[in-house]
Amino acid sequence: MEGSLTQHHARVVWEGSKEDLRAHRLEIGGVDVAGSCSPQWGGDPAKADPEDMFVAALSSCHMLWFLALARERRLRVVSYEDSAEGELDHDSFSFTGVTLRPAVEFSEDPGPEVLAELHAEAHRRCYIANSASCPVEVAA
């Protein structure tokens, strides 16, 4: 990687219709994702909404750092699953917090101290968490 700055891109195309005025398509990394607004605002619950994508981005970033750090320590992760949740305050138009709940299984248990170290370092390195204006908690 040359330099300390990188560019990241997404293309968003509005595809509103009578059925879903807020329908759009996100083109990210060569993948098309169907988007809408949150169902409480009349959006299609079968499509991704920006709030869920924010929570997913935090979870994904943490997971990728965790996996990289585990690999550096030669720890074999056999499964990783997160049930992340964010709380949105509609009065302030902002998230009040996001909680990540990763469940990780290793081929050999590294012990609670190592697990805590991996999550702490993954959280410290996560670009998305470092950019969020709300608290991001890791409840592992």
N, C-alpha and C. Protein backbone atom coordinates (compact mmCIF):
# COMPACT_ATOMS: atom_id res chain seq x y z
N MET A 1 0.85 -1.17 0.00
CA MET A 1 0.00 0.00 0.00
C MET A 1 0.89 1.23 0.00
N GLU A 2 0.71 2.08 -0.96
CA GLU A 2 1.50 3.28 -1.08
C GLU A 2 0.81 4.43 -0.37
N GLY A 3 1.52 5.12 0.52
CA GLY A 3 0.94 6.23 1.25
C GLY A 3 0.00 5.74 2.34
N SER A 4 -0.49 6.69 3.12
CA SER A 4 -1.37 6.30 4.22
C SER A 4 -2.84 6.54 3.91
N LEU A 5 -3.14 7.10 2.75
CA LEU A 5 -4.53 7.34 2.38
C LEU A 5 -4.96 6.39 1.26
N THR A 6 -6.14 5.84 1.39
CA THR A 6 -6.71 5.02 0.32
C THR A 6 -8.10 5.56 0.00
N GLN A 7 -8.55 5.29 -1.19
CA GLN A 7 -9.88 5.72 -1.62
C GLN A 7 -10.82 4.52 -1.62
N HIS A 8 -12.08 4.76 -1.29
CA HIS A 8 -13.08 3.70 -1.26
C HIS A 8 -14.32 4.22 -1.95
N HIS A 9 -14.98 3.34 -2.72
CA HIS A 9 -16.05 3.80 -3.59
C HIS A 9 -17.30 2.96 -3.47
N ALA A 10 -18.40 3.60 -3.71
CA ALA A 10 -19.69 2.92 -3.82
C ALA A 10 -20.51 3.73 -4.81
N ARG A 11 -21.30 3.05 -5.58
CA ARG A 11 -22.21 3.72 -6.50
C ARG A 11 -23.63 3.42 -6.03
N VAL A 12 -24.44 4.45 -5.91
CA VAL A 12 -25.82 4.30 -5.47
C VAL A 12 -26.72 4.83 -6.58
N VAL A 13 -27.68 4.00 -6.99
CA VAL A 13 -28.59 4.37 -8.10
C VAL A 13 -30.02 4.26 -7.59
N TRP A 14 -30.75 5.35 -7.64
CA TRP A 14 -32.15 5.34 -7.21
C TRP A 14 -32.97 4.60 -8.24
N GLU A 15 -33.84 3.70 -7.78
CA GLU A 15 -34.71 2.91 -8.65
C GLU A 15 -36.14 2.91 -8.11
N GLY A 16 -36.56 4.06 -7.60
CA GLY A 16 -37.87 4.19 -6.98
C GLY A 16 -39.00 3.82 -7.93
N SER A 17 -40.07 3.27 -7.33
CA SER A 17 -41.25 2.87 -8.08
C SER A 17 -42.47 3.13 -7.19
N LYS A 18 -43.65 2.90 -7.74
CA LYS A 18 -44.87 3.06 -6.94
C LYS A 18 -44.85 2.14 -5.72
N GLU A 19 -44.29 0.95 -5.87
CA GLU A 19 -44.24 -0.01 -4.77
C GLU A 19 -43.24 0.40 -3.69
N ASP A 20 -42.15 1.01 -4.09
CA ASP A 20 -41.12 1.43 -3.13
C ASP A 20 -40.43 2.68 -3.67
N LEU A 21 -40.91 3.84 -3.23
CA LEU A 21 -40.35 5.11 -3.69
C LEU A 21 -38.89 5.27 -3.30
N ARG A 22 -38.46 4.54 -2.30
CA ARG A 22 -37.09 4.68 -1.79
C ARG A 22 -36.14 3.60 -2.29
N ALA A 23 -36.59 2.77 -3.20
CA ALA A 23 -35.76 1.68 -3.71
C ALA A 23 -34.52 2.22 -4.40
N HIS A 24 -33.42 1.56 -4.16
CA HIS A 24 -32.17 1.92 -4.82
C HIS A 24 -31.27 0.69 -4.89
N ARG A 25 -30.21 0.84 -5.64
CA ARG A 25 -29.23 -0.24 -5.81
C ARG A 25 -27.87 0.31 -5.42
N LEU A 26 -27.18 -0.45 -4.61
CA LEU A 26 -25.82 -0.09 -4.23
C LEU A 26 -24.87 -1.00 -4.98
N GLU A 27 -23.90 -0.43 -5.63
CA GLU A 27 -22.88 -1.20 -6.32
C GLU A 27 -21.59 -1.06 -5.52
N ILE A 28 -21.24 -2.15 -4.85
CA ILE A 28 -20.08 -2.14 -3.95
C ILE A 28 -19.23 -3.36 -4.26
N GLY A 29 -17.99 -3.13 -4.60
CA GLY A 29 -17.08 -4.25 -4.82
C GLY A 29 -17.55 -5.24 -5.86
N GLY A 30 -18.22 -4.78 -6.90
CA GLY A 30 -18.68 -5.66 -7.96
C GLY A 30 -19.96 -6.41 -7.63
N VAL A 31 -20.58 -6.08 -6.51
CA VAL A 31 -21.82 -6.73 -6.08
C VAL A 31 -22.93 -5.69 -6.04
N ASP A 32 -24.11 -6.07 -6.52
CA ASP A 32 -25.28 -5.21 -6.42
C ASP A 32 -26.08 -5.59 -5.19
N VAL A 33 -26.41 -4.60 -4.38
CA VAL A 33 -27.21 -4.81 -3.18
C VAL A 33 -28.48 -3.98 -3.32
N ALA A 34 -29.63 -4.64 -3.15
CA ALA A 34 -30.91 -3.94 -3.21
C ALA A 34 -31.10 -3.17 -1.92
N GLY A 35 -31.40 -1.88 -2.03
CA GLY A 35 -31.56 -1.05 -0.86
C GLY A 35 -32.90 -0.35 -0.82
N SER A 36 -33.27 0.04 0.38
CA SER A 36 -34.47 0.83 0.63
C SER A 36 -34.23 1.55 1.95
N CYS A 37 -35.24 2.20 2.47
CA CYS A 37 -35.11 2.78 3.81
C CYS A 37 -35.63 1.76 4.82
N SER A 38 -35.48 2.07 6.08
CA SER A 38 -35.94 1.18 7.15
C SER A 38 -37.44 0.95 7.03
N PRO A 39 -37.89 -0.24 7.38
CA PRO A 39 -39.33 -0.56 7.29
C PRO A 39 -40.20 0.42 8.07
N GLN A 40 -39.72 0.95 9.22
CA GLN A 40 -40.54 1.88 9.98
C GLN A 40 -40.80 3.18 9.24
N TRP A 41 -40.04 3.43 8.18
CA TRP A 41 -40.25 4.61 7.35
C TRP A 41 -40.90 4.25 6.02
N GLY A 42 -41.41 3.03 5.93
CA GLY A 42 -42.11 2.60 4.73
C GLY A 42 -41.26 1.85 3.73
N GLY A 43 -40.04 1.52 4.11
CA GLY A 43 -39.14 0.80 3.22
C GLY A 43 -39.45 -0.68 3.14
N ASP A 44 -38.85 -1.32 2.17
CA ASP A 44 -39.03 -2.75 1.94
C ASP A 44 -38.13 -3.53 2.90
N PRO A 45 -38.70 -4.33 3.81
CA PRO A 45 -37.88 -5.07 4.77
C PRO A 45 -37.00 -6.14 4.14
N ALA A 46 -37.26 -6.48 2.88
CA ALA A 46 -36.45 -7.48 2.19
C ALA A 46 -35.19 -6.85 1.58
N LYS A 47 -35.04 -5.53 1.73
CA LYS A 47 -33.87 -4.84 1.17
C LYS A 47 -33.02 -4.26 2.30
N ALA A 48 -31.75 -4.07 2.02
CA ALA A 48 -30.84 -3.49 3.01
C ALA A 48 -31.15 -2.01 3.19
N ASP A 49 -31.08 -1.55 4.44
CA ASP A 49 -31.25 -0.13 4.70
C ASP A 49 -29.94 0.43 5.25
N PRO A 50 -29.73 1.74 5.15
CA PRO A 50 -28.45 2.33 5.57
C PRO A 50 -28.10 2.06 7.04
N GLU A 51 -29.10 2.04 7.90
CA GLU A 51 -28.83 1.83 9.32
C GLU A 51 -28.30 0.41 9.56
N ASP A 52 -28.94 -0.59 8.95
CA ASP A 52 -28.44 -1.96 9.08
C ASP A 52 -27.06 -2.11 8.44
N MET A 53 -26.84 -1.41 7.33
CA MET A 53 -25.53 -1.49 6.68
C MET A 53 -24.43 -0.87 7.54
N PHE A 54 -24.76 0.17 8.29
CA PHE A 54 -23.80 0.78 9.22
C PHE A 54 -23.40 -0.24 10.29
N VAL A 55 -24.39 -0.89 10.88
CA VAL A 55 -24.12 -1.91 11.90
C VAL A 55 -23.32 -3.06 11.29
N ALA A 56 -23.70 -3.47 10.09
CA ALA A 56 -22.99 -4.56 9.41
C ALA A 56 -21.55 -4.17 9.09
N ALA A 57 -21.31 -2.92 8.70
CA ALA A 57 -19.95 -2.47 8.40
C ALA A 57 -19.07 -2.52 9.65
N LEU A 58 -19.63 -2.12 10.79
CA LEU A 58 -18.88 -2.19 12.05
C LEU A 58 -18.54 -3.65 12.39
N SER A 59 -19.52 -4.52 12.25
CA SER A 59 -19.31 -5.93 12.55
C SER A 59 -18.29 -6.56 11.61
N SER A 60 -18.41 -6.28 10.34
CA SER A 60 -17.51 -6.84 9.34
C SER A 60 -16.08 -6.37 9.56
N CYS A 61 -15.91 -5.08 9.81
CA CYS A 61 -14.57 -4.54 10.04
C CYS A 61 -13.91 -5.19 11.24
N HIS A 62 -14.66 -5.31 12.34
CA HIS A 62 -14.12 -5.94 13.55
C HIS A 62 -13.73 -7.39 13.25
N MET A 63 -14.61 -8.12 12.57
CA MET A 63 -14.34 -9.52 12.27
C MET A 63 -13.07 -9.67 11.42
N LEU A 64 -12.92 -8.85 10.40
CA LEU A 64 -11.76 -8.98 9.52
C LEU A 64 -10.46 -8.71 10.26
N TRP A 65 -10.46 -7.71 11.15
CA TRP A 65 -9.27 -7.46 11.96
C TRP A 65 -9.02 -8.62 12.92
N PHE A 66 -10.08 -9.12 13.55
CA PHE A 66 -9.95 -10.25 14.47
C PHE A 66 -9.31 -11.45 13.78
N LEU A 67 -9.83 -11.79 12.60
CA LEU A 67 -9.30 -12.93 11.85
C LEU A 67 -7.83 -12.73 11.48
N ALA A 68 -7.48 -11.52 11.06
CA ALA A 68 -6.09 -11.24 10.70
C ALA A 68 -5.18 -11.36 11.92
N LEU A 69 -5.62 -10.85 13.05
CA LEU A 69 -4.81 -10.92 14.27
C LEU A 69 -4.68 -12.35 14.77
N ALA A 70 -5.76 -13.12 14.67
CA ALA A 70 -5.69 -14.54 15.06
C ALA A 70 -4.71 -15.29 14.16
N ARG A 71 -4.77 -15.00 12.87
CA ARG A 71 -3.86 -15.65 11.92
C ARG A 71 -2.40 -15.30 12.24
N GLU A 72 -2.13 -14.03 12.60
CA GLU A 72 -0.77 -13.63 12.98
C GLU A 72 -0.25 -14.45 14.16
N ARG A 73 -1.14 -14.82 15.05
CA ARG A 73 -0.76 -15.63 16.22
C ARG A 73 -0.84 -17.12 15.94
N ARG A 74 -1.12 -17.46 14.71
CA ARG A 74 -1.25 -18.86 14.27
C ARG A 74 -2.38 -19.59 15.02
N LEU A 75 -3.46 -18.86 15.28
CA LEU A 75 -4.64 -19.44 15.89
C LEU A 75 -5.65 -19.72 14.79
N ARG A 76 -6.14 -20.94 14.74
CA ARG A 76 -7.07 -21.33 13.68
C ARG A 76 -8.51 -21.11 14.12
N VAL A 77 -9.17 -20.15 13.47
CA VAL A 77 -10.58 -19.88 13.72
C VAL A 77 -11.39 -20.82 12.83
N VAL A 78 -12.32 -21.57 13.43
CA VAL A 78 -13.15 -22.48 12.63
C VAL A 78 -14.54 -21.90 12.39
N SER A 79 -14.97 -20.95 13.24
CA SER A 79 -16.23 -20.26 12.97
C SER A 79 -16.23 -18.92 13.69
N TYR A 80 -16.94 -17.99 13.08
CA TYR A 80 -17.08 -16.64 13.64
C TYR A 80 -18.47 -16.16 13.24
N GLU A 81 -19.24 -15.75 14.21
CA GLU A 81 -20.58 -15.23 13.92
C GLU A 81 -20.87 -14.08 14.88
N ASP A 82 -21.46 -13.04 14.37
CA ASP A 82 -21.76 -11.87 15.18
C ASP A 82 -23.24 -11.52 15.03
N SER A 83 -23.90 -11.28 16.14
CA SER A 83 -25.27 -10.78 16.14
C SER A 83 -25.21 -9.34 16.63
N ALA A 84 -24.78 -8.46 15.75
CA ALA A 84 -24.58 -7.05 16.10
C ALA A 84 -25.91 -6.31 16.13
N GLU A 85 -25.96 -5.29 16.98
CA GLU A 85 -27.19 -4.52 17.11
C GLU A 85 -26.85 -3.05 17.37
N GLY A 86 -27.54 -2.18 16.68
CA GLY A 86 -27.37 -0.75 16.89
C GLY A 86 -28.66 -0.12 17.36
N GLU A 87 -28.54 0.89 18.19
CA GLU A 87 -29.72 1.60 18.68
C GLU A 87 -29.71 3.00 18.09
N LEU A 88 -30.82 3.34 17.43
CA LEU A 88 -30.95 4.62 16.75
C LEU A 88 -31.96 5.48 17.49
N ASP A 89 -31.58 6.71 17.79
CA ASP A 89 -32.47 7.67 18.42
C ASP A 89 -33.05 8.56 17.33
N HIS A 90 -34.32 8.38 17.05
CA HIS A 90 -34.96 9.12 15.95
C HIS A 90 -35.10 10.60 16.26
N ASP A 91 -35.10 10.97 17.54
CA ASP A 91 -35.21 12.39 17.89
C ASP A 91 -33.92 13.14 17.59
N SER A 92 -32.77 12.48 17.82
CA SER A 92 -31.48 13.15 17.57
C SER A 92 -30.89 12.79 16.21
N PHE A 93 -31.59 11.89 15.47
CA PHE A 93 -31.11 11.46 14.15
C PHE A 93 -29.71 10.85 14.23
N SER A 94 -29.46 10.07 15.29
CA SER A 94 -28.14 9.47 15.43
C SER A 94 -28.21 8.16 16.20
N PHE A 95 -27.20 7.34 16.00
CA PHE A 95 -27.07 6.11 16.76
C PHE A 95 -26.59 6.47 18.16
N THR A 96 -27.16 5.82 19.16
CA THR A 96 -26.71 6.01 20.53
C THR A 96 -25.63 4.99 20.89
N GLY A 97 -25.55 3.92 20.13
CA GLY A 97 -24.52 2.92 20.37
C GLY A 97 -24.74 1.70 19.50
N VAL A 98 -23.67 0.94 19.35
CA VAL A 98 -23.71 -0.33 18.61
C VAL A 98 -23.00 -1.36 19.49
N THR A 99 -23.61 -2.53 19.61
CA THR A 99 -23.01 -3.62 20.36
C THR A 99 -22.72 -4.78 19.41
N LEU A 100 -21.47 -5.20 19.40
CA LEU A 100 -21.06 -6.37 18.64
C LEU A 100 -21.06 -7.55 19.60
N ARG A 101 -21.58 -8.67 19.15
CA ARG A 101 -21.64 -9.87 19.99
C ARG A 101 -21.00 -11.06 19.25
N PRO A 102 -19.70 -10.98 19.01
CA PRO A 102 -19.06 -12.06 18.26
C PRO A 102 -18.96 -13.35 19.08
N ALA A 103 -19.24 -14.44 18.39
CA ALA A 103 -19.05 -15.79 18.95
C ALA A 103 -18.02 -16.47 18.07
N VAL A 104 -16.90 -16.82 18.65
CA VAL A 104 -15.78 -17.36 17.89
C VAL A 104 -15.44 -18.76 18.39
N GLU A 105 -15.19 -19.64 17.45
CA GLU A 105 -14.75 -20.99 17.80
C GLU A 105 -13.38 -21.21 17.15
N PHE A 106 -12.47 -21.71 17.94
CA PHE A 106 -11.11 -22.01 17.48
C PHE A 106 -10.92 -23.52 17.43
N SER A 107 -9.93 -23.97 16.66
CA SER A 107 -9.62 -25.40 16.65
C SER A 107 -9.06 -25.80 18.01
N GLU A 108 -8.34 -24.89 18.68
CA GLU A 108 -7.85 -25.10 20.05
C GLU A 108 -8.12 -23.83 20.84
N ASP A 109 -8.75 -23.94 21.98
CA ASP A 109 -9.13 -22.78 22.80
C ASP A 109 -7.88 -22.00 23.22
N PRO A 110 -7.80 -20.70 22.83
CA PRO A 110 -6.62 -19.91 23.20
C PRO A 110 -6.70 -19.36 24.63
N GLY A 111 -7.86 -19.51 25.27
CA GLY A 111 -8.03 -18.99 26.63
C GLY A 111 -8.67 -17.61 26.61
N PRO A 112 -9.29 -17.23 27.72
CA PRO A 112 -10.03 -15.96 27.78
C PRO A 112 -9.16 -14.71 27.63
N GLU A 113 -7.92 -14.77 28.13
CA GLU A 113 -7.05 -13.59 28.03
C GLU A 113 -6.70 -13.29 26.58
N VAL A 114 -6.33 -14.31 25.85
CA VAL A 114 -5.96 -14.14 24.44
C VAL A 114 -7.18 -13.68 23.63
N LEU A 115 -8.33 -14.28 23.91
CA LEU A 115 -9.56 -13.88 23.22
C LEU A 115 -9.85 -12.40 23.47
N ALA A 116 -9.73 -11.98 24.71
CA ALA A 116 -9.98 -10.57 25.05
C ALA A 116 -8.96 -9.66 24.36
N GLU A 117 -7.70 -10.07 24.31
CA GLU A 117 -6.66 -9.28 23.63
C GLU A 117 -6.98 -9.14 22.15
N LEU A 118 -7.38 -10.23 21.51
CA LEU A 118 -7.71 -10.19 20.08
C LEU A 118 -8.86 -9.24 19.81
N HIS A 119 -9.92 -9.31 20.63
CA HIS A 119 -11.06 -8.42 20.42
C HIS A 119 -10.68 -6.96 20.70
N ALA A 120 -9.89 -6.72 21.73
CA ALA A 120 -9.47 -5.34 22.04
C ALA A 120 -8.64 -4.76 20.90
N GLU A 121 -7.71 -5.54 20.38
CA GLU A 121 -6.86 -5.04 19.29
C GLU A 121 -7.65 -4.88 18.00
N ALA A 122 -8.56 -5.82 17.72
CA ALA A 122 -9.41 -5.69 16.53
C ALA A 122 -10.26 -4.42 16.63
N HIS A 123 -10.80 -4.16 17.79
CA HIS A 123 -11.61 -2.96 18.00
C HIS A 123 -10.75 -1.70 17.82
N ARG A 124 -9.54 -1.72 18.35
CA ARG A 124 -8.64 -0.57 18.25
C ARG A 124 -8.29 -0.26 16.79
N ARG A 125 -8.16 -1.31 15.98
CA ARG A 125 -7.74 -1.13 14.59
C ARG A 125 -8.89 -0.92 13.61
N CYS A 126 -10.11 -1.15 14.02
CA CYS A 126 -11.25 -1.07 13.10
C CYS A 126 -11.48 0.37 12.63
N TYR A 127 -11.30 0.60 11.35
CA TYR A 127 -11.46 1.94 10.77
C TYR A 127 -12.88 2.47 10.95
N ILE A 128 -13.85 1.60 10.82
CA ILE A 128 -15.24 2.03 10.90
C ILE A 128 -15.57 2.44 12.33
N ALA A 129 -15.17 1.62 13.30
CA ALA A 129 -15.42 1.97 14.71
C ALA A 129 -14.70 3.27 15.08
N ASN A 130 -13.49 3.45 14.56
CA ASN A 130 -12.74 4.68 14.85
C ASN A 130 -13.39 5.90 14.22
N SER A 131 -14.22 5.70 13.22
CA SER A 131 -14.88 6.80 12.52
C SER A 131 -16.29 7.06 13.02
N ALA A 132 -16.83 6.14 13.82
CA ALA A 132 -18.20 6.28 14.31
C ALA A 132 -18.27 7.34 15.40
N SER A 133 -19.37 8.08 15.42
CA SER A 133 -19.54 9.09 16.46
C SER A 133 -20.28 8.55 17.68
N CYS A 134 -20.71 7.31 17.62
CA CYS A 134 -21.39 6.69 18.76
C CYS A 134 -20.47 5.63 19.36
N PRO A 135 -20.72 5.25 20.62
CA PRO A 135 -19.92 4.18 21.21
C PRO A 135 -20.16 2.84 20.51
N VAL A 136 -19.08 2.09 20.34
CA VAL A 136 -19.17 0.74 19.78
C VAL A 136 -18.58 -0.20 20.83
N GLU A 137 -19.42 -1.09 21.33
CA GLU A 137 -19.03 -2.01 22.39
C GLU A 137 -18.87 -3.41 21.83
N VAL A 138 -17.87 -4.12 22.31
CA VAL A 138 -17.68 -5.52 21.94
C VAL A 138 -18.02 -6.36 23.15
N ALA A 139 -19.12 -7.07 23.08
CA ALA A 139 -19.58 -7.93 24.18
C ALA A 139 -19.30 -9.38 23.79
N ALA A 140 -18.05 -9.78 23.95
CA ALA A 140 -17.66 -11.13 23.55
C ALA A 140 -17.63 -12.06 24.74
